């Protein structure tokens, strides 16, 4: 059996597969980079949310102290 007539087809299919693999690999690398960037952004956001929660808690405690001091001042002024 002579495969000479099919060599062109085999070469074309092989080249197409190599090109496809290269394109997929490049796209995957870009997606991985974008995903890493998004993970970094989410971690920064989570840090801001955690710090905001702490600030809100501290602010609440501060306002309670202020209210307590106002009551004491009011009682002392009587």
Protein backbone atom coordinates (compact mmCIF):
# COMPACT_ATOMS: atom_id res chain seq x y z
CA UNK A 1 0.00 0.00 0.00
CA UNK A 2 1.44 3.31 -1.07
CA UNK A 3 0.76 6.22 1.33
CA UNK A 4 2.48 8.81 -0.84
CA UNK A 5 -0.81 10.40 -1.96
CA UNK A 6 -1.86 10.82 1.67
CA UNK A 7 1.35 12.46 2.90
CA UNK A 8 0.07 15.94 2.07
CA UNK A 9 -3.13 15.33 4.02
CA UNK A 10 -1.22 13.86 6.97
CA UNK A 11 1.16 16.83 7.01
CA UNK A 12 -1.75 19.30 6.84
CA UNK A 13 -3.61 17.59 9.67
CA UNK A 14 -0.42 17.42 11.74
CA UNK A 15 0.28 21.12 11.19
CA UNK A 16 -3.33 21.97 12.05
CA UNK A 17 -3.08 20.00 15.30
CA UNK A 18 0.19 21.70 16.27
CA UNK A 19 -1.28 25.13 15.48
CA UNK A 20 -4.43 24.34 17.46
CA UNK A 21 -2.39 23.12 20.44
CA UNK A 22 -0.28 26.28 20.34
CA UNK A 23 -3.36 28.51 20.23
CA UNK A 24 -5.02 26.65 23.12
CA UNK A 25 -1.83 26.77 25.20
CA UNK A 26 -1.46 30.51 24.63
CA UNK A 27 -5.10 31.18 25.52
CA UNK A 28 -4.82 29.02 28.63
CA UNK A 29 -1.74 30.92 29.77
CA UNK A 30 -3.58 34.24 29.34
CA UNK A 31 -6.59 32.94 31.25
CA UNK A 32 -4.38 31.71 34.09
CA UNK A 33 -2.75 35.14 34.30
CA UNK A 34 -6.15 36.86 34.38
CA UNK A 35 -7.38 34.43 37.01
CA UNK A 36 -4.33 35.12 39.18
CA UNK A 37 -5.00 38.86 38.86
CA UNK A 38 -8.63 38.37 39.85
CA UNK A 39 -7.63 36.28 42.86
CA UNK A 40 -5.30 39.09 43.97
CA UNK A 41 -8.11 41.64 43.55
CA UNK A 42 -10.53 39.50 45.56
CA UNK A 43 -7.99 39.08 48.37
CA UNK A 44 -7.43 42.85 48.49
CA UNK A 45 -11.20 43.41 48.56
CA UNK A 46 -11.62 40.89 51.37
CA UNK A 47 -8.92 42.69 53.34
CA UNK A 48 -10.77 45.98 52.93
CA UNK A 49 -14.03 44.37 54.04
CA UNK A 50 -12.37 42.91 57.14
CA UNK A 51 -10.76 46.24 58.04
CA UNK A 52 -14.07 48.04 57.49
CA UNK A 53 -15.83 45.63 59.84
CA UNK A 54 -13.19 46.30 62.50
CA UNK A 55 -13.53 50.06 62.03
CA UNK A 56 -17.31 49.83 62.33
CA UNK A 57 -16.99 47.79 65.52
CA UNK A 58 -14.51 50.27 66.99
CA UNK A 59 -16.69 53.21 65.97
CA UNK A 60 -19.68 51.62 67.70
CA UNK A 61 -17.64 51.18 70.89
CA UNK A 62 -16.42 54.78 70.65
CA UNK A 63 -19.96 56.13 70.30
CA UNK A 64 -21.02 54.09 73.36
CA UNK A 65 -18.17 55.67 75.31
CA UNK A 66 -19.18 59.12 74.12
CA UNK A 67 -22.79 58.52 75.12
CA UNK A 68 -21.66 57.29 78.54
CA UNK A 69 -19.49 60.36 79.03
CA UNK A 70 -22.37 62.64 78.00
CA UNK A 71 -24.61 61.00 80.60
CA UNK A 72 -21.93 61.45 83.26
CA UNK A 73 -21.51 65.13 82.33
CA UNK A 74 -25.27 65.61 82.40
CA UNK A 75 -25.48 64.00 85.84
CA UNK A 76 -22.60 66.14 87.13
CA UNK A 77 -24.27 69.32 85.89
CA UNK A 78 -27.34 68.66 88.06
